[in-house]
Amino acid sequence: MERADKIIGVLAAVYGVCVDQTSKDEVHRLANELRKASGQPEQ
C-alpha cells in the first residue's frame, strides 16, 4: 500500500497541472483504480 500511496501522490500532482476536465477525469479514474487494487476506498 505504501507504493500505491506514492503513485497516488504523483497522480495528484499530475491532476493539478491538467488543463482540461477530460484529463482530470482520467487521472482521477486511474487513482481510483489504484486505490481499488491496493484495497483502499475510492474517493
N, C-alpha and C. Protein backbone atom coordinates (compact mmCIF):
# COMPACT_ATOMS: atom_id res chain seq x y z
N MET A 1 0.82 -1.19 0.00
CA MET A 1 0.00 0.00 0.00
C MET A 1 0.87 1.26 0.00
N GLU A 2 2.07 1.18 0.55
CA GLU A 2 2.95 2.34 0.57
C GLU A 2 3.30 2.80 -0.85
N ARG A 3 3.56 1.82 -1.73
CA ARG A 3 3.88 2.17 -3.13
C ARG A 3 2.68 2.81 -3.80
N ALA A 4 1.51 2.26 -3.54
CA ALA A 4 0.29 2.82 -4.13
C ALA A 4 0.10 4.27 -3.67
N ASP A 5 0.36 4.54 -2.39
CA ASP A 5 0.23 5.90 -1.88
C ASP A 5 1.19 6.86 -2.57
N LYS A 6 2.40 6.40 -2.83
CA LYS A 6 3.38 7.23 -3.53
C LYS A 6 2.93 7.54 -4.95
N ILE A 7 2.42 6.53 -5.63
CA ILE A 7 1.96 6.73 -7.01
C ILE A 7 0.73 7.63 -7.02
N ILE A 8 -0.16 7.46 -6.06
CA ILE A 8 -1.34 8.32 -5.96
C ILE A 8 -0.90 9.76 -5.73
N GLY A 9 0.16 9.96 -4.96
CA GLY A 9 0.70 11.30 -4.77
C GLY A 9 1.18 11.92 -6.07
N VAL A 10 1.83 11.11 -6.89
CA VAL A 10 2.28 11.59 -8.21
C VAL A 10 1.06 11.93 -9.07
N LEU A 11 0.04 11.07 -9.04
CA LEU A 11 -1.16 11.33 -9.82
C LEU A 11 -1.85 12.62 -9.35
N ALA A 12 -1.80 12.89 -8.05
CA ALA A 12 -2.39 14.14 -7.52
C ALA A 12 -1.66 15.34 -8.11
N ALA A 13 -0.35 15.25 -8.23
CA ALA A 13 0.42 16.35 -8.83
C ALA A 13 0.06 16.51 -10.31
N VAL A 14 -0.07 15.39 -11.00
CA VAL A 14 -0.46 15.44 -12.41
C VAL A 14 -1.85 16.08 -12.55
N TYR A 15 -2.76 15.67 -11.68
CA TYR A 15 -4.11 16.24 -11.68
C TYR A 15 -4.04 17.76 -11.57
N GLY A 16 -3.16 18.24 -10.72
CA GLY A 16 -3.03 19.68 -10.50
C GLY A 16 -2.58 20.47 -11.71
N VAL A 17 -1.89 19.83 -12.64
CA VAL A 17 -1.42 20.55 -13.82
C VAL A 17 -2.25 20.25 -15.08
N CYS A 18 -3.25 19.41 -14.94
CA CYS A 18 -4.13 19.14 -16.09
C CYS A 18 -4.90 20.41 -16.45
N VAL A 19 -5.04 20.64 -17.73
CA VAL A 19 -5.70 21.87 -18.17
C VAL A 19 -7.15 21.66 -18.59
N ASP A 20 -7.55 20.42 -18.81
CA ASP A 20 -8.94 20.21 -19.21
C ASP A 20 -9.59 19.14 -18.33
N GLN A 21 -10.90 19.16 -18.28
CA GLN A 21 -11.64 18.26 -17.40
C GLN A 21 -11.51 16.80 -17.82
N THR A 22 -11.40 16.55 -19.10
CA THR A 22 -11.24 15.17 -19.58
C THR A 22 -9.97 14.55 -19.01
N SER A 23 -8.89 15.29 -19.02
CA SER A 23 -7.63 14.80 -18.46
C SER A 23 -7.74 14.59 -16.96
N LYS A 24 -8.37 15.52 -16.26
CA LYS A 24 -8.57 15.39 -14.81
C LYS A 24 -9.40 14.16 -14.48
N ASP A 25 -10.44 13.94 -15.27
CA ASP A 25 -11.30 12.77 -15.05
C ASP A 25 -10.51 11.47 -15.21
N GLU A 26 -9.63 11.42 -16.20
CA GLU A 26 -8.83 10.21 -16.44
C GLU A 26 -7.83 9.99 -15.31
N VAL A 27 -7.18 11.03 -14.85
CA VAL A 27 -6.24 10.89 -13.74
C VAL A 27 -6.98 10.43 -12.48
N HIS A 28 -8.14 10.98 -12.25
CA HIS A 28 -8.96 10.59 -11.10
C HIS A 28 -9.36 9.11 -11.21
N ARG A 29 -9.74 8.69 -12.39
CA ARG A 29 -10.11 7.30 -12.62
C ARG A 29 -8.92 6.37 -12.34
N LEU A 30 -7.75 6.75 -12.83
CA LEU A 30 -6.56 5.94 -12.60
C LEU A 30 -6.22 5.83 -11.11
N ALA A 31 -6.34 6.94 -10.40
CA ALA A 31 -6.08 6.92 -8.96
C ALA A 31 -7.06 6.00 -8.25
N ASN A 32 -8.32 6.05 -8.64
CA ASN A 32 -9.31 5.18 -8.01
C ASN A 32 -9.06 3.71 -8.33
N GLU A 33 -8.63 3.41 -9.54
CA GLU A 33 -8.29 2.03 -9.89
C GLU A 33 -7.13 1.53 -9.04
N LEU A 34 -6.16 2.39 -8.83
CA LEU A 34 -5.02 2.02 -8.00
C LEU A 34 -5.45 1.83 -6.54
N ARG A 35 -6.31 2.71 -6.06
CA ARG A 35 -6.84 2.55 -4.70
C ARG A 35 -7.56 1.21 -4.56
N LYS A 36 -8.40 0.91 -5.55
CA LYS A 36 -9.18 -0.34 -5.52
C LYS A 36 -8.23 -1.54 -5.51
N ALA A 37 -7.22 -1.51 -6.35
CA ALA A 37 -6.28 -2.62 -6.46
C ALA A 37 -5.47 -2.81 -5.18
N SER A 38 -5.27 -1.72 -4.43
CA SER A 38 -4.47 -1.82 -3.22
C SER A 38 -5.34 -1.94 -1.95
N GLY A 39 -6.65 -2.11 -2.15
CA GLY A 39 -7.54 -2.33 -1.02
C GLY A 39 -7.95 -1.08 -0.27
N GLN A 40 -7.77 0.07 -0.89
CA GLN A 40 -8.15 1.33 -0.27
C GLN A 40 -9.52 1.77 -0.78
N PRO A 41 -10.23 2.60 -0.02
CA PRO A 41 -11.53 3.09 -0.51
C PRO A 41 -11.33 4.10 -1.64
N GLU A 42 -12.25 4.07 -2.58
CA GLU A 42 -12.22 5.05 -3.66
C GLU A 42 -12.61 6.42 -3.13
N GLN A 43 -12.18 7.45 -3.84
CA GLN A 43 -12.53 8.82 -3.47
C GLN A 43 -13.18 9.53 -4.61
